Amino acid sequence: MAHSEALDPDSDLFQPELLPVDFDDEAFAEYVAEYGWGDPDA
């Protein structure tokens, strides 16, 4: 992603313009409740 193109095709930016991310905290909590945090020795 470090070399992504800007959202504006006429832009000369070398930094990617990333869209905001909405995390589903409830889904993450359900996953952790069901599967745990994984094997810490892996």
N, C-alpha and C. Protein backbone atom coordinates (compact mmCIF):
# COMPACT_ATOMS: atom_id res chain seq x y z
N MET A 1 0.82 -1.19 0.00
CA MET A 1 0.00 0.00 0.00
C MET A 1 0.86 1.26 0.00
N ALA A 2 2.12 1.14 0.28
CA ALA A 2 2.97 2.32 0.35
C ALA A 2 3.09 3.01 -1.00
N HIS A 3 2.84 2.30 -2.07
CA HIS A 3 2.98 2.88 -3.40
C HIS A 3 1.64 3.00 -4.12
N SER A 4 0.56 3.12 -3.35
CA SER A 4 -0.76 3.27 -3.94
C SER A 4 -0.88 4.61 -4.64
N GLU A 5 -1.77 4.65 -5.59
CA GLU A 5 -2.03 5.90 -6.28
C GLU A 5 -3.04 6.72 -5.49
N ALA A 6 -3.00 8.01 -5.66
CA ALA A 6 -3.94 8.91 -5.01
C ALA A 6 -5.33 8.71 -5.60
N LEU A 7 -6.33 9.11 -4.86
CA LEU A 7 -7.71 8.99 -5.34
C LEU A 7 -7.96 9.92 -6.52
N ASP A 8 -7.32 11.06 -6.53
CA ASP A 8 -7.46 12.03 -7.62
C ASP A 8 -6.46 11.65 -8.73
N PRO A 9 -6.95 11.28 -9.91
CA PRO A 9 -6.04 10.83 -10.97
C PRO A 9 -5.07 11.91 -11.45
N ASP A 10 -5.38 13.18 -11.23
CA ASP A 10 -4.51 14.27 -11.67
C ASP A 10 -3.51 14.68 -10.59
N SER A 11 -3.56 14.04 -9.44
CA SER A 11 -2.68 14.38 -8.33
C SER A 11 -1.29 13.81 -8.56
N ASP A 12 -0.27 14.54 -8.10
CA ASP A 12 1.11 14.06 -8.18
C ASP A 12 1.63 13.64 -6.81
N LEU A 13 0.74 13.28 -5.90
CA LEU A 13 1.16 12.87 -4.56
C LEU A 13 1.78 11.48 -4.60
N PHE A 14 2.79 11.28 -3.78
CA PHE A 14 3.41 9.97 -3.66
C PHE A 14 2.96 9.25 -2.40
N GLN A 15 2.08 9.88 -1.62
CA GLN A 15 1.54 9.26 -0.42
C GLN A 15 0.12 8.79 -0.74
N PRO A 16 -0.22 7.58 -0.32
CA PRO A 16 -1.57 7.08 -0.63
C PRO A 16 -2.64 7.83 0.16
N GLU A 17 -3.78 8.03 -0.45
CA GLU A 17 -4.92 8.62 0.23
C GLU A 17 -5.82 7.46 0.66
N LEU A 18 -5.72 7.09 1.93
CA LEU A 18 -6.46 5.95 2.42
C LEU A 18 -7.83 6.38 2.92
N LEU A 19 -8.81 5.55 2.68
CA LEU A 19 -10.15 5.82 3.16
C LEU A 19 -10.26 5.43 4.62
N PRO A 20 -11.14 6.08 5.38
CA PRO A 20 -11.31 5.70 6.78
C PRO A 20 -11.88 4.29 6.89
N VAL A 21 -11.54 3.62 7.97
CA VAL A 21 -11.97 2.24 8.18
C VAL A 21 -12.89 2.19 9.40
N ASP A 22 -14.01 1.52 9.24
CA ASP A 22 -14.92 1.30 10.36
C ASP A 22 -14.77 -0.15 10.80
N PHE A 23 -14.25 -0.34 12.02
CA PHE A 23 -14.09 -1.68 12.56
C PHE A 23 -15.38 -2.11 13.23
N ASP A 24 -15.73 -3.37 13.07
CA ASP A 24 -16.91 -3.94 13.71
C ASP A 24 -16.48 -4.52 15.06
N ASP A 25 -16.45 -3.67 16.09
CA ASP A 25 -15.97 -4.08 17.40
C ASP A 25 -16.79 -5.24 17.97
N GLU A 26 -18.07 -5.25 17.71
CA GLU A 26 -18.92 -6.33 18.21
C GLU A 26 -18.53 -7.67 17.58
N ALA A 27 -18.25 -7.67 16.29
CA ALA A 27 -17.84 -8.90 15.62
C ALA A 27 -16.49 -9.38 16.13
N PHE A 28 -15.55 -8.46 16.38
CA PHE A 28 -14.26 -8.83 16.94
C PHE A 28 -14.44 -9.45 18.33
N ALA A 29 -15.29 -8.84 19.15
CA ALA A 29 -15.54 -9.36 20.50
C ALA A 29 -16.16 -10.76 20.45
N GLU A 30 -17.09 -10.98 19.53
CA GLU A 30 -17.69 -12.30 19.38
C GLU A 30 -16.65 -13.33 18.95
N TYR A 31 -15.78 -12.96 18.04
CA TYR A 31 -14.74 -13.88 17.56
C TYR A 31 -13.80 -14.26 18.71
N VAL A 32 -13.35 -13.27 19.46
CA VAL A 32 -12.43 -13.53 20.56
C VAL A 32 -13.12 -14.37 21.63
N ALA A 33 -14.39 -14.12 21.89
CA ALA A 33 -15.12 -14.91 22.88
C ALA A 33 -15.22 -16.37 22.44
N GLU A 34 -15.37 -16.60 21.15
CA GLU A 34 -15.53 -17.96 20.64
C GLU A 34 -14.20 -18.68 20.44
N TYR A 35 -13.20 -17.98 19.88
CA TYR A 35 -11.95 -18.63 19.51
C TYR A 35 -10.76 -18.24 20.38
N GLY A 36 -10.88 -17.22 21.20
CA GLY A 36 -9.77 -16.78 22.03
C GLY A 36 -8.76 -15.98 21.22
N TRP A 37 -7.58 -15.76 21.82
CA TRP A 37 -6.54 -14.95 21.19
C TRP A 37 -5.57 -15.79 20.38
N GLY A 38 -5.75 -17.08 20.32
CA GLY A 38 -4.84 -17.93 19.55
C GLY A 38 -3.75 -18.49 20.45
N ASP A 39 -2.87 -19.26 19.85
CA ASP A 39 -1.79 -19.91 20.57
C ASP A 39 -0.62 -18.94 20.71
N PRO A 40 -0.27 -18.53 21.93
CA PRO A 40 0.83 -17.57 22.09
C PRO A 40 2.19 -18.16 21.74
N ASP A 41 2.29 -19.49 21.66
CA ASP A 41 3.58 -20.14 21.32
C ASP A 41 3.73 -20.39 19.84
N ALA A 42 2.73 -20.00 19.05
CA ALA A 42 2.78 -20.26 17.60
C ALA A 42 3.66 -19.27 16.90
